PDBML (XML) file of the C-alpha atoms, coordinates in Angstrom:
<?xml version="1.0" encoding="UTF-8" ?>
<PDBx:datablock datablockName="MODEL"
   xmlns:PDBx="http://pdbml.pdb.org/schema/pdbx-v50.xsd"
   xmlns:xsi="http://www.w3.org/2001/XMLSchema-instance"
   xsi:schemaLocation="http://pdbml.pdb.org/schema/pdbx-v50.xsd pdbx-v50.xsd">
   <PDBx:atom_siteCategory>
      <PDBx:atom_site id="1">
         <PDBx:B_iso_or_equiv>0.00</PDBx:B_iso_or_equiv>
         <PDBx:Cartn_x>0.464</PDBx:Cartn_x>
         <PDBx:Cartn_y>-3.173</PDBx:Cartn_y>
         <PDBx:Cartn_z>0.502</PDBx:Cartn_z>
         <PDBx:auth_asym_id>A</PDBx:auth_asym_id>
         <PDBx:auth_atom_id>CA</PDBx:auth_atom_id>
         <PDBx:auth_comp_id>ILE</PDBx:auth_comp_id>
         <PDBx:auth_seq_id>1</PDBx:auth_seq_id>
         <PDBx:group_PDB>ATOM</PDBx:group_PDB>
         <PDBx:label_alt_id xsi:nil="true" />
         <PDBx:label_asym_id>A</PDBx:label_asym_id>
         <PDBx:label_atom_id>CA</PDBx:label_atom_id>
         <PDBx:label_comp_id>ILE</PDBx:label_comp_id>
         <PDBx:label_entity_id>1</PDBx:label_entity_id>
         <PDBx:label_seq_id>1</PDBx:label_seq_id>
         <PDBx:occupancy>1.00</PDBx:occupancy>
         <PDBx:pdbx_PDB_model_num>1</PDBx:pdbx_PDB_model_num>
         <PDBx:type_symbol>C</PDBx:type_symbol>
      </PDBx:atom_site>
      <PDBx:atom_site id="2">
         <PDBx:B_iso_or_equiv>0.00</PDBx:B_iso_or_equiv>
         <PDBx:Cartn_x>0.258</PDBx:Cartn_x>
         <PDBx:Cartn_y>0.208</PDBx:Cartn_y>
         <PDBx:Cartn_z>2.233</PDBx:Cartn_z>
         <PDBx:auth_asym_id>A</PDBx:auth_asym_id>
         <PDBx:auth_atom_id>CA</PDBx:auth_atom_id>
         <PDBx:auth_comp_id>ASP</PDBx:auth_comp_id>
         <PDBx:auth_seq_id>2</PDBx:auth_seq_id>
         <PDBx:group_PDB>ATOM</PDBx:group_PDB>
         <PDBx:label_alt_id xsi:nil="true" />
         <PDBx:label_asym_id>A</PDBx:label_asym_id>
         <PDBx:label_atom_id>CA</PDBx:label_atom_id>
         <PDBx:label_comp_id>ASP</PDBx:label_comp_id>
         <PDBx:label_entity_id>1</PDBx:label_entity_id>
         <PDBx:label_seq_id>2</PDBx:label_seq_id>
         <PDBx:occupancy>1.00</PDBx:occupancy>
         <PDBx:pdbx_PDB_model_num>1</PDBx:pdbx_PDB_model_num>
         <PDBx:type_symbol>C</PDBx:type_symbol>
      </PDBx:atom_site>
      <PDBx:atom_site id="3">
         <PDBx:B_iso_or_equiv>0.00</PDBx:B_iso_or_equiv>
         <PDBx:Cartn_x>-2.624</PDBx:Cartn_x>
         <PDBx:Cartn_y>2.674</PDBx:Cartn_y>
         <PDBx:Cartn_z>2.726</PDBx:Cartn_z>
         <PDBx:auth_asym_id>A</PDBx:auth_asym_id>
         <PDBx:auth_atom_id>CA</PDBx:auth_atom_id>
         <PDBx:auth_comp_id>ASN</PDBx:auth_comp_id>
         <PDBx:auth_seq_id>3</PDBx:auth_seq_id>
         <PDBx:group_PDB>ATOM</PDBx:group_PDB>
         <PDBx:label_alt_id xsi:nil="true" />
         <PDBx:label_asym_id>A</PDBx:label_asym_id>
         <PDBx:label_atom_id>CA</PDBx:label_atom_id>
         <PDBx:label_comp_id>ASN</PDBx:label_comp_id>
         <PDBx:label_entity_id>1</PDBx:label_entity_id>
         <PDBx:label_seq_id>3</PDBx:label_seq_id>
         <PDBx:occupancy>1.00</PDBx:occupancy>
         <PDBx:pdbx_PDB_model_num>1</PDBx:pdbx_PDB_model_num>
         <PDBx:type_symbol>C</PDBx:type_symbol>
      </PDBx:atom_site>
      <PDBx:atom_site id="4">
         <PDBx:B_iso_or_equiv>0.00</PDBx:B_iso_or_equiv>
         <PDBx:Cartn_x>-0.295</PDBx:Cartn_x>
         <PDBx:Cartn_y>5.051</PDBx:Cartn_y>
         <PDBx:Cartn_z>4.591</PDBx:Cartn_z>
         <PDBx:auth_asym_id>A</PDBx:auth_asym_id>
         <PDBx:auth_atom_id>CA</PDBx:auth_atom_id>
         <PDBx:auth_comp_id>HIS</PDBx:auth_comp_id>
         <PDBx:auth_seq_id>4</PDBx:auth_seq_id>
         <PDBx:group_PDB>ATOM</PDBx:group_PDB>
         <PDBx:label_alt_id xsi:nil="true" />
         <PDBx:label_asym_id>A</PDBx:label_asym_id>
         <PDBx:label_atom_id>CA</PDBx:label_atom_id>
         <PDBx:label_comp_id>HIS</PDBx:label_comp_id>
         <PDBx:label_entity_id>1</PDBx:label_entity_id>
         <PDBx:label_seq_id>4</PDBx:label_seq_id>
         <PDBx:occupancy>1.00</PDBx:occupancy>
         <PDBx:pdbx_PDB_model_num>1</PDBx:pdbx_PDB_model_num>
         <PDBx:type_symbol>C</PDBx:type_symbol>
      </PDBx:atom_site>
      <PDBx:atom_site id="5">
         <PDBx:B_iso_or_equiv>0.00</PDBx:B_iso_or_equiv>
         <PDBx:Cartn_x>-2.108</PDBx:Cartn_x>
         <PDBx:Cartn_y>4.963</PDBx:Cartn_y>
         <PDBx:Cartn_z>7.926</PDBx:Cartn_z>
         <PDBx:auth_asym_id>A</PDBx:auth_asym_id>
         <PDBx:auth_atom_id>CA</PDBx:auth_atom_id>
         <PDBx:auth_comp_id>GLY</PDBx:auth_comp_id>
         <PDBx:auth_seq_id>5</PDBx:auth_seq_id>
         <PDBx:group_PDB>ATOM</PDBx:group_PDB>
         <PDBx:label_alt_id xsi:nil="true" />
         <PDBx:label_asym_id>A</PDBx:label_asym_id>
         <PDBx:label_atom_id>CA</PDBx:label_atom_id>
         <PDBx:label_comp_id>GLY</PDBx:label_comp_id>
         <PDBx:label_entity_id>1</PDBx:label_entity_id>
         <PDBx:label_seq_id>5</PDBx:label_seq_id>
         <PDBx:occupancy>1.00</PDBx:occupancy>
         <PDBx:pdbx_PDB_model_num>1</PDBx:pdbx_PDB_model_num>
         <PDBx:type_symbol>C</PDBx:type_symbol>
      </PDBx:atom_site>
      <PDBx:atom_site id="6">
         <PDBx:B_iso_or_equiv>0.00</PDBx:B_iso_or_equiv>
         <PDBx:Cartn_x>-5.586</PDBx:Cartn_x>
         <PDBx:Cartn_y>5.619</PDBx:Cartn_y>
         <PDBx:Cartn_z>6.565</PDBx:Cartn_z>
         <PDBx:auth_asym_id>A</PDBx:auth_asym_id>
         <PDBx:auth_atom_id>CA</PDBx:auth_atom_id>
         <PDBx:auth_comp_id>THR</PDBx:auth_comp_id>
         <PDBx:auth_seq_id>6</PDBx:auth_seq_id>
         <PDBx:group_PDB>ATOM</PDBx:group_PDB>
         <PDBx:label_alt_id xsi:nil="true" />
         <PDBx:label_asym_id>A</PDBx:label_asym_id>
         <PDBx:label_atom_id>CA</PDBx:label_atom_id>
         <PDBx:label_comp_id>THR</PDBx:label_comp_id>
         <PDBx:label_entity_id>1</PDBx:label_entity_id>
         <PDBx:label_seq_id>6</PDBx:label_seq_id>
         <PDBx:occupancy>1.00</PDBx:occupancy>
         <PDBx:pdbx_PDB_model_num>1</PDBx:pdbx_PDB_model_num>
         <PDBx:type_symbol>C</PDBx:type_symbol>
      </PDBx:atom_site>
      <PDBx:atom_site id="7">
         <PDBx:B_iso_or_equiv>0.00</PDBx:B_iso_or_equiv>
         <PDBx:Cartn_x>-8.377</PDBx:Cartn_x>
         <PDBx:Cartn_y>4.890</PDBx:Cartn_y>
         <PDBx:Cartn_z>9.056</PDBx:Cartn_z>
         <PDBx:auth_asym_id>A</PDBx:auth_asym_id>
         <PDBx:auth_atom_id>CA</PDBx:auth_atom_id>
         <PDBx:auth_comp_id>ALA</PDBx:auth_comp_id>
         <PDBx:auth_seq_id>7</PDBx:auth_seq_id>
         <PDBx:group_PDB>ATOM</PDBx:group_PDB>
         <PDBx:label_alt_id xsi:nil="true" />
         <PDBx:label_asym_id>A</PDBx:label_asym_id>
         <PDBx:label_atom_id>CA</PDBx:label_atom_id>
         <PDBx:label_comp_id>ALA</PDBx:label_comp_id>
         <PDBx:label_entity_id>1</PDBx:label_entity_id>
         <PDBx:label_seq_id>7</PDBx:label_seq_id>
         <PDBx:occupancy>1.00</PDBx:occupancy>
         <PDBx:pdbx_PDB_model_num>1</PDBx:pdbx_PDB_model_num>
         <PDBx:type_symbol>C</PDBx:type_symbol>
      </PDBx:atom_site>
      <PDBx:atom_site id="8">
         <PDBx:B_iso_or_equiv>0.00</PDBx:B_iso_or_equiv>
         <PDBx:Cartn_x>-11.160</PDBx:Cartn_x>
         <PDBx:Cartn_y>2.481</PDBx:Cartn_y>
         <PDBx:Cartn_z>8.125</PDBx:Cartn_z>
         <PDBx:auth_asym_id>A</PDBx:auth_asym_id>
         <PDBx:auth_atom_id>CA</PDBx:auth_atom_id>
         <PDBx:auth_comp_id>VAL</PDBx:auth_comp_id>
         <PDBx:auth_seq_id>8</PDBx:auth_seq_id>
         <PDBx:group_PDB>ATOM</PDBx:group_PDB>
         <PDBx:label_alt_id xsi:nil="true" />
         <PDBx:label_asym_id>A</PDBx:label_asym_id>
         <PDBx:label_atom_id>CA</PDBx:label_atom_id>
         <PDBx:label_comp_id>VAL</PDBx:label_comp_id>
         <PDBx:label_entity_id>1</PDBx:label_entity_id>
         <PDBx:label_seq_id>8</PDBx:label_seq_id>
         <PDBx:occupancy>1.00</PDBx:occupancy>
         <PDBx:pdbx_PDB_model_num>1</PDBx:pdbx_PDB_model_num>
         <PDBx:type_symbol>C</PDBx:type_symbol>
      </PDBx:atom_site>
      <PDBx:atom_site id="9">
         <PDBx:B_iso_or_equiv>0.00</PDBx:B_iso_or_equiv>
         <PDBx:Cartn_x>-13.742</PDBx:Cartn_x>
         <PDBx:Cartn_y>5.306</PDBx:Cartn_y>
         <PDBx:Cartn_z>7.971</PDBx:Cartn_z>
         <PDBx:auth_asym_id>A</PDBx:auth_asym_id>
         <PDBx:auth_atom_id>CA</PDBx:auth_atom_id>
         <PDBx:auth_comp_id>ASN</PDBx:auth_comp_id>
         <PDBx:auth_seq_id>9</PDBx:auth_seq_id>
         <PDBx:group_PDB>ATOM</PDBx:group_PDB>
         <PDBx:label_alt_id xsi:nil="true" />
         <PDBx:label_asym_id>A</PDBx:label_asym_id>
         <PDBx:label_atom_id>CA</PDBx:label_atom_id>
         <PDBx:label_comp_id>ASN</PDBx:label_comp_id>
         <PDBx:label_entity_id>1</PDBx:label_entity_id>
         <PDBx:label_seq_id>9</PDBx:label_seq_id>
         <PDBx:occupancy>1.00</PDBx:occupancy>
         <PDBx:pdbx_PDB_model_num>1</PDBx:pdbx_PDB_model_num>
         <PDBx:type_symbol>C</PDBx:type_symbol>
      </PDBx:atom_site>
      <PDBx:atom_site id="10">
         <PDBx:B_iso_or_equiv>0.00</PDBx:B_iso_or_equiv>
         <PDBx:Cartn_x>-11.660</PDBx:Cartn_x>
         <PDBx:Cartn_y>7.380</PDBx:Cartn_y>
         <PDBx:Cartn_z>5.539</PDBx:Cartn_z>
         <PDBx:auth_asym_id>A</PDBx:auth_asym_id>
         <PDBx:auth_atom_id>CA</PDBx:auth_atom_id>
         <PDBx:auth_comp_id>VAL</PDBx:auth_comp_id>
         <PDBx:auth_seq_id>10</PDBx:auth_seq_id>
         <PDBx:group_PDB>ATOM</PDBx:group_PDB>
         <PDBx:label_alt_id xsi:nil="true" />
         <PDBx:label_asym_id>A</PDBx:label_asym_id>
         <PDBx:label_atom_id>CA</PDBx:label_atom_id>
         <PDBx:label_comp_id>VAL</PDBx:label_comp_id>
         <PDBx:label_entity_id>1</PDBx:label_entity_id>
         <PDBx:label_seq_id>10</PDBx:label_seq_id>
         <PDBx:occupancy>1.00</PDBx:occupancy>
         <PDBx:pdbx_PDB_model_num>1</PDBx:pdbx_PDB_model_num>
         <PDBx:type_symbol>C</PDBx:type_symbol>
      </PDBx:atom_site>
      <PDBx:atom_site id="11">
         <PDBx:B_iso_or_equiv>0.00</PDBx:B_iso_or_equiv>
         <PDBx:Cartn_x>-11.587</PDBx:Cartn_x>
         <PDBx:Cartn_y>6.843</PDBx:Cartn_y>
         <PDBx:Cartn_z>1.779</PDBx:Cartn_z>
         <PDBx:auth_asym_id>A</PDBx:auth_asym_id>
         <PDBx:auth_atom_id>CA</PDBx:auth_atom_id>
         <PDBx:auth_comp_id>THR</PDBx:auth_comp_id>
         <PDBx:auth_seq_id>11</PDBx:auth_seq_id>
         <PDBx:group_PDB>ATOM</PDBx:group_PDB>
         <PDBx:label_alt_id xsi:nil="true" />
         <PDBx:label_asym_id>A</PDBx:label_asym_id>
         <PDBx:label_atom_id>CA</PDBx:label_atom_id>
         <PDBx:label_comp_id>THR</PDBx:label_comp_id>
         <PDBx:label_entity_id>1</PDBx:label_entity_id>
         <PDBx:label_seq_id>11</PDBx:label_seq_id>
         <PDBx:occupancy>1.00</PDBx:occupancy>
         <PDBx:pdbx_PDB_model_num>1</PDBx:pdbx_PDB_model_num>
         <PDBx:type_symbol>C</PDBx:type_symbol>
      </PDBx:atom_site>
      <PDBx:atom_site id="12">
         <PDBx:B_iso_or_equiv>0.00</PDBx:B_iso_or_equiv>
         <PDBx:Cartn_x>-7.918</PDBx:Cartn_x>
         <PDBx:Cartn_y>6.105</PDBx:Cartn_y>
         <PDBx:Cartn_z>0.955</PDBx:Cartn_z>
         <PDBx:auth_asym_id>A</PDBx:auth_asym_id>
         <PDBx:auth_atom_id>CA</PDBx:auth_atom_id>
         <PDBx:auth_comp_id>PRO</PDBx:auth_comp_id>
         <PDBx:auth_seq_id>12</PDBx:auth_seq_id>
         <PDBx:group_PDB>ATOM</PDBx:group_PDB>
         <PDBx:label_alt_id xsi:nil="true" />
         <PDBx:label_asym_id>A</PDBx:label_asym_id>
         <PDBx:label_atom_id>CA</PDBx:label_atom_id>
         <PDBx:label_comp_id>PRO</PDBx:label_comp_id>
         <PDBx:label_entity_id>1</PDBx:label_entity_id>
         <PDBx:label_seq_id>12</PDBx:label_seq_id>
         <PDBx:occupancy>1.00</PDBx:occupancy>
         <PDBx:pdbx_PDB_model_num>1</PDBx:pdbx_PDB_model_num>
         <PDBx:type_symbol>C</PDBx:type_symbol>
      </PDBx:atom_site>
      <PDBx:atom_site id="13">
         <PDBx:B_iso_or_equiv>0.00</PDBx:B_iso_or_equiv>
         <PDBx:Cartn_x>-6.340</PDBx:Cartn_x>
         <PDBx:Cartn_y>8.783</PDBx:Cartn_y>
         <PDBx:Cartn_z>-1.214</PDBx:Cartn_z>
         <PDBx:auth_asym_id>A</PDBx:auth_asym_id>
         <PDBx:auth_atom_id>CA</PDBx:auth_atom_id>
         <PDBx:auth_comp_id>ALA</PDBx:auth_comp_id>
         <PDBx:auth_seq_id>13</PDBx:auth_seq_id>
         <PDBx:group_PDB>ATOM</PDBx:group_PDB>
         <PDBx:label_alt_id xsi:nil="true" />
         <PDBx:label_asym_id>A</PDBx:label_asym_id>
         <PDBx:label_atom_id>CA</PDBx:label_atom_id>
         <PDBx:label_comp_id>ALA</PDBx:label_comp_id>
         <PDBx:label_entity_id>1</PDBx:label_entity_id>
         <PDBx:label_seq_id>13</PDBx:label_seq_id>
         <PDBx:occupancy>1.00</PDBx:occupancy>
         <PDBx:pdbx_PDB_model_num>1</PDBx:pdbx_PDB_model_num>
         <PDBx:type_symbol>C</PDBx:type_symbol>
      </PDBx:atom_site>
      <PDBx:atom_site id="14">
         <PDBx:B_iso_or_equiv>0.00</PDBx:B_iso_or_equiv>
         <PDBx:Cartn_x>-3.329</PDBx:Cartn_x>
         <PDBx:Cartn_y>6.612</PDBx:Cartn_y>
         <PDBx:Cartn_z>-2.007</PDBx:Cartn_z>
         <PDBx:auth_asym_id>A</PDBx:auth_asym_id>
         <PDBx:auth_atom_id>CA</PDBx:auth_atom_id>
         <PDBx:auth_comp_id>ARG</PDBx:auth_comp_id>
         <PDBx:auth_seq_id>14</PDBx:auth_seq_id>
         <PDBx:group_PDB>ATOM</PDBx:group_PDB>
         <PDBx:label_alt_id xsi:nil="true" />
         <PDBx:label_asym_id>A</PDBx:label_asym_id>
         <PDBx:label_atom_id>CA</PDBx:label_atom_id>
         <PDBx:label_comp_id>ARG</PDBx:label_comp_id>
         <PDBx:label_entity_id>1</PDBx:label_entity_id>
         <PDBx:label_seq_id>14</PDBx:label_seq_id>
         <PDBx:occupancy>1.00</PDBx:occupancy>
         <PDBx:pdbx_PDB_model_num>1</PDBx:pdbx_PDB_model_num>
         <PDBx:type_symbol>C</PDBx:type_symbol>
      </PDBx:atom_site>
      <PDBx:atom_site id="15">
         <PDBx:B_iso_or_equiv>0.00</PDBx:B_iso_or_equiv>
         <PDBx:Cartn_x>-2.656</PDBx:Cartn_x>
         <PDBx:Cartn_y>2.900</PDBx:Cartn_y>
         <PDBx:Cartn_z>-2.195</PDBx:Cartn_z>
         <PDBx:auth_asym_id>A</PDBx:auth_asym_id>
         <PDBx:auth_atom_id>CA</PDBx:auth_atom_id>
         <PDBx:auth_comp_id>ALA</PDBx:auth_comp_id>
         <PDBx:auth_seq_id>15</PDBx:auth_seq_id>
         <PDBx:group_PDB>ATOM</PDBx:group_PDB>
         <PDBx:label_alt_id xsi:nil="true" />
         <PDBx:label_asym_id>A</PDBx:label_asym_id>
         <PDBx:label_atom_id>CA</PDBx:label_atom_id>
         <PDBx:label_comp_id>ALA</PDBx:label_comp_id>
         <PDBx:label_entity_id>1</PDBx:label_entity_id>
         <PDBx:label_seq_id>15</PDBx:label_seq_id>
         <PDBx:occupancy>1.00</PDBx:occupancy>
         <PDBx:pdbx_PDB_model_num>1</PDBx:pdbx_PDB_model_num>
         <PDBx:type_symbol>C</PDBx:type_symbol>
      </PDBx:atom_site>
      <PDBx:atom_site id="16">
         <PDBx:B_iso_or_equiv>0.00</PDBx:B_iso_or_equiv>
         <PDBx:Cartn_x>0.904</PDBx:Cartn_x>
         <PDBx:Cartn_y>1.670</PDBx:Cartn_y>
         <PDBx:Cartn_z>-2.634</PDBx:Cartn_z>
         <PDBx:auth_asym_id>A</PDBx:auth_asym_id>
         <PDBx:auth_atom_id>CA</PDBx:auth_atom_id>
         <PDBx:auth_comp_id>THR</PDBx:auth_comp_id>
         <PDBx:auth_seq_id>16</PDBx:auth_seq_id>
         <PDBx:group_PDB>ATOM</PDBx:group_PDB>
         <PDBx:label_alt_id xsi:nil="true" />
         <PDBx:label_asym_id>A</PDBx:label_asym_id>
         <PDBx:label_atom_id>CA</PDBx:label_atom_id>
         <PDBx:label_comp_id>THR</PDBx:label_comp_id>
         <PDBx:label_entity_id>1</PDBx:label_entity_id>
         <PDBx:label_seq_id>16</PDBx:label_seq_id>
         <PDBx:occupancy>1.00</PDBx:occupancy>
         <PDBx:pdbx_PDB_model_num>1</PDBx:pdbx_PDB_model_num>
         <PDBx:type_symbol>C</PDBx:type_symbol>
      </PDBx:atom_site>
      <PDBx:atom_site id="17">
         <PDBx:B_iso_or_equiv>0.00</PDBx:B_iso_or_equiv>
         <PDBx:Cartn_x>1.984</PDBx:Cartn_x>
         <PDBx:Cartn_y>-1.827</PDBx:Cartn_y>
         <PDBx:Cartn_z>-3.541</PDBx:Cartn_z>
         <PDBx:auth_asym_id>A</PDBx:auth_asym_id>
         <PDBx:auth_atom_id>CA</PDBx:auth_atom_id>
         <PDBx:auth_comp_id>ALA</PDBx:auth_comp_id>
         <PDBx:auth_seq_id>17</PDBx:auth_seq_id>
         <PDBx:group_PDB>ATOM</PDBx:group_PDB>
         <PDBx:label_alt_id xsi:nil="true" />
         <PDBx:label_asym_id>A</PDBx:label_asym_id>
         <PDBx:label_atom_id>CA</PDBx:label_atom_id>
         <PDBx:label_comp_id>ALA</PDBx:label_comp_id>
         <PDBx:label_entity_id>1</PDBx:label_entity_id>
         <PDBx:label_seq_id>17</PDBx:label_seq_id>
         <PDBx:occupancy>1.00</PDBx:occupancy>
         <PDBx:pdbx_PDB_model_num>1</PDBx:pdbx_PDB_model_num>
         <PDBx:type_symbol>C</PDBx:type_symbol>
      </PDBx:atom_site>
      <PDBx:atom_site id="18">
         <PDBx:B_iso_or_equiv>0.00</PDBx:B_iso_or_equiv>
         <PDBx:Cartn_x>5.631</PDBx:Cartn_x>
         <PDBx:Cartn_y>-2.762</PDBx:Cartn_y>
         <PDBx:Cartn_z>-3.232</PDBx:Cartn_z>
         <PDBx:auth_asym_id>A</PDBx:auth_asym_id>
         <PDBx:auth_atom_id>CA</PDBx:auth_atom_id>
         <PDBx:auth_comp_id>ARG</PDBx:auth_comp_id>
         <PDBx:auth_seq_id>18</PDBx:auth_seq_id>
         <PDBx:group_PDB>ATOM</PDBx:group_PDB>
         <PDBx:label_alt_id xsi:nil="true" />
         <PDBx:label_asym_id>A</PDBx:label_asym_id>
         <PDBx:label_atom_id>CA</PDBx:label_atom_id>
         <PDBx:label_comp_id>ARG</PDBx:label_comp_id>
         <PDBx:label_entity_id>1</PDBx:label_entity_id>
         <PDBx:label_seq_id>18</PDBx:label_seq_id>
         <PDBx:occupancy>1.00</PDBx:occupancy>
         <PDBx:pdbx_PDB_model_num>1</PDBx:pdbx_PDB_model_num>
         <PDBx:type_symbol>C</PDBx:type_symbol>
      </PDBx:atom_site>
      <PDBx:atom_site id="19">
         <PDBx:B_iso_or_equiv>0.00</PDBx:B_iso_or_equiv>
         <PDBx:Cartn_x>7.009</PDBx:Cartn_x>
         <PDBx:Cartn_y>-5.951</PDBx:Cartn_y>
         <PDBx:Cartn_z>-4.725</PDBx:Cartn_z>
         <PDBx:auth_asym_id>A</PDBx:auth_asym_id>
         <PDBx:auth_atom_id>CA</PDBx:auth_atom_id>
         <PDBx:auth_comp_id>ILE</PDBx:auth_comp_id>
         <PDBx:auth_seq_id>19</PDBx:auth_seq_id>
         <PDBx:group_PDB>ATOM</PDBx:group_PDB>
         <PDBx:label_alt_id xsi:nil="true" />
         <PDBx:label_asym_id>A</PDBx:label_asym_id>
         <PDBx:label_atom_id>CA</PDBx:label_atom_id>
         <PDBx:label_comp_id>ILE</PDBx:label_comp_id>
         <PDBx:label_entity_id>1</PDBx:label_entity_id>
         <PDBx:label_seq_id>19</PDBx:label_seq_id>
         <PDBx:occupancy>1.00</PDBx:occupancy>
         <PDBx:pdbx_PDB_model_num>1</PDBx:pdbx_PDB_model_num>
         <PDBx:type_symbol>C</PDBx:type_symbol>
      </PDBx:atom_site>
      <PDBx:atom_site id="20">
         <PDBx:B_iso_or_equiv>0.00</PDBx:B_iso_or_equiv>
         <PDBx:Cartn_x>10.482</PDBx:Cartn_x>
         <PDBx:Cartn_y>-7.412</PDBx:Cartn_y>
         <PDBx:Cartn_z>-4.296</PDBx:Cartn_z>
         <PDBx:auth_asym_id>A</PDBx:auth_asym_id>
         <PDBx:auth_atom_id>CA</PDBx:auth_atom_id>
         <PDBx:auth_comp_id>LYS</PDBx:auth_comp_id>
         <PDBx:auth_seq_id>20</PDBx:auth_seq_id>
         <PDBx:group_PDB>ATOM</PDBx:group_PDB>
         <PDBx:label_alt_id xsi:nil="true" />
         <PDBx:label_asym_id>A</PDBx:label_asym_id>
         <PDBx:label_atom_id>CA</PDBx:label_atom_id>
         <PDBx:label_comp_id>LYS</PDBx:label_comp_id>
         <PDBx:label_entity_id>1</PDBx:label_entity_id>
         <PDBx:label_seq_id>20</PDBx:label_seq_id>
         <PDBx:occupancy>1.00</PDBx:occupancy>
         <PDBx:pdbx_PDB_model_num>1</PDBx:pdbx_PDB_model_num>
         <PDBx:type_symbol>C</PDBx:type_symbol>
      </PDBx:atom_site>
      <PDBx:atom_site id="21">
         <PDBx:B_iso_or_equiv>0.00</PDBx:B_iso_or_equiv>
         <PDBx:Cartn_x>11.312</PDBx:Cartn_x>
         <PDBx:Cartn_y>-9.508</PDBx:Cartn_y>
         <PDBx:Cartn_z>-7.338</PDBx:Cartn_z>
         <PDBx:auth_asym_id>A</PDBx:auth_asym_id>
         <PDBx:auth_atom_id>CA</PDBx:auth_atom_id>
         <PDBx:auth_comp_id>PHE</PDBx:auth_comp_id>
         <PDBx:auth_seq_id>21</PDBx:auth_seq_id>
         <PDBx:group_PDB>ATOM</PDBx:group_PDB>
         <PDBx:label_alt_id xsi:nil="true" />
         <PDBx:label_asym_id>A</PDBx:label_asym_id>
         <PDBx:label_atom_id>CA</PDBx:label_atom_id>
         <PDBx:label_comp_id>PHE</PDBx:label_comp_id>
         <PDBx:label_entity_id>1</PDBx:label_entity_id>
         <PDBx:label_seq_id>21</PDBx:label_seq_id>
         <PDBx:occupancy>1.00</PDBx:occupancy>
         <PDBx:pdbx_PDB_model_num>1</PDBx:pdbx_PDB_model_num>
         <PDBx:type_symbol>C</PDBx:type_symbol>
      </PDBx:atom_site>
      <PDBx:atom_site id="22">
         <PDBx:B_iso_or_equiv>0.00</PDBx:B_iso_or_equiv>
         <PDBx:Cartn_x>14.455</PDBx:Cartn_x>
         <PDBx:Cartn_y>-11.589</PDBx:Cartn_y>
         <PDBx:Cartn_z>-6.812</PDBx:Cartn_z>
         <PDBx:auth_asym_id>A</PDBx:auth_asym_id>
         <PDBx:auth_atom_id>CA</PDBx:auth_atom_id>
         <PDBx:auth_comp_id>ARG</PDBx:auth_comp_id>
         <PDBx:auth_seq_id>22</PDBx:auth_seq_id>
         <PDBx:group_PDB>ATOM</PDBx:group_PDB>
         <PDBx:label_alt_id xsi:nil="true" />
         <PDBx:label_asym_id>A</PDBx:label_asym_id>
         <PDBx:label_atom_id>CA</PDBx:label_atom_id>
         <PDBx:label_comp_id>ARG</PDBx:label_comp_id>
         <PDBx:label_entity_id>1</PDBx:label_entity_id>
         <PDBx:label_seq_id>22</PDBx:label_seq_id>
         <PDBx:occupancy>1.00</PDBx:occupancy>
         <PDBx:pdbx_PDB_model_num>1</PDBx:pdbx_PDB_model_num>
         <PDBx:type_symbol>C</PDBx:type_symbol>
      </PDBx:atom_site>
      <PDBx:atom_site id="23">
         <PDBx:B_iso_or_equiv>0.00</PDBx:B_iso_or_equiv>
         <PDBx:Cartn_x>15.848</PDBx:Cartn_x>
         <PDBx:Cartn_y>-13.661</PDBx:Cartn_y>
         <PDBx:Cartn_z>-9.654</PDBx:Cartn_z>
         <PDBx:auth_asym_id>A</PDBx:auth_asym_id>
         <PDBx:auth_atom_id>CA</PDBx:auth_atom_id>
         <PDBx:auth_comp_id>ALA</PDBx:auth_comp_id>
         <PDBx:auth_seq_id>23</PDBx:auth_seq_id>
         <PDBx:group_PDB>ATOM</PDBx:group_PDB>
         <PDBx:label_alt_id xsi:nil="true" />
         <PDBx:label_asym_id>A</PDBx:label_asym_id>
         <PDBx:label_atom_id>CA</PDBx:label_atom_id>
         <PDBx:label_comp_id>ALA</PDBx:label_comp_id>
         <PDBx:label_entity_id>1</PDBx:label_entity_id>
         <PDBx:label_seq_id>23</PDBx:label_seq_id>
         <PDBx:occupancy>1.00</PDBx:occupancy>
         <PDBx:pdbx_PDB_model_num>1</PDBx:pdbx_PDB_model_num>
         <PDBx:type_symbol>C</PDBx:type_symbol>
      </PDBx:atom_site>
      <PDBx:atom_site id="24">
         <PDBx:B_iso_or_equiv>0.00</PDBx:B_iso_or_equiv>
         <PDBx:Cartn_x>19.033</PDBx:Cartn_x>
         <PDBx:Cartn_y>-15.603</PDBx:Cartn_y>
         <PDBx:Cartn_z>-10.321</PDBx:Cartn_z>
         <PDBx:auth_asym_id>A</PDBx:auth_asym_id>
         <PDBx:auth_atom_id>CA</PDBx:auth_atom_id>
         <PDBx:auth_comp_id>SER</PDBx:auth_comp_id>
         <PDBx:auth_seq_id>24</PDBx:auth_seq_id>
         <PDBx:group_PDB>ATOM</PDBx:group_PDB>
         <PDBx:label_alt_id xsi:nil="true" />
         <PDBx:label_asym_id>A</PDBx:label_asym_id>
         <PDBx:label_atom_id>CA</PDBx:label_atom_id>
         <PDBx:label_comp_id>SER</PDBx:label_comp_id>
         <PDBx:label_entity_id>1</PDBx:label_entity_id>
         <PDBx:label_seq_id>24</PDBx:label_seq_id>
         <PDBx:occupancy>1.00</PDBx:occupancy>
         <PDBx:pdbx_PDB_model_num>1</PDBx:pdbx_PDB_model_num>
         <PDBx:type_symbol>C</PDBx:type_symbol>
      </PDBx:atom_site>
   </PDBx:atom_siteCategory>
</PDBx:datablock>
């Protein structure tokens, strides 16, 4: 999960979730 460097006293304008799904 990534809030792109947002500080804790700033409302995040973007939240990104990245998932690596590996299957056989």
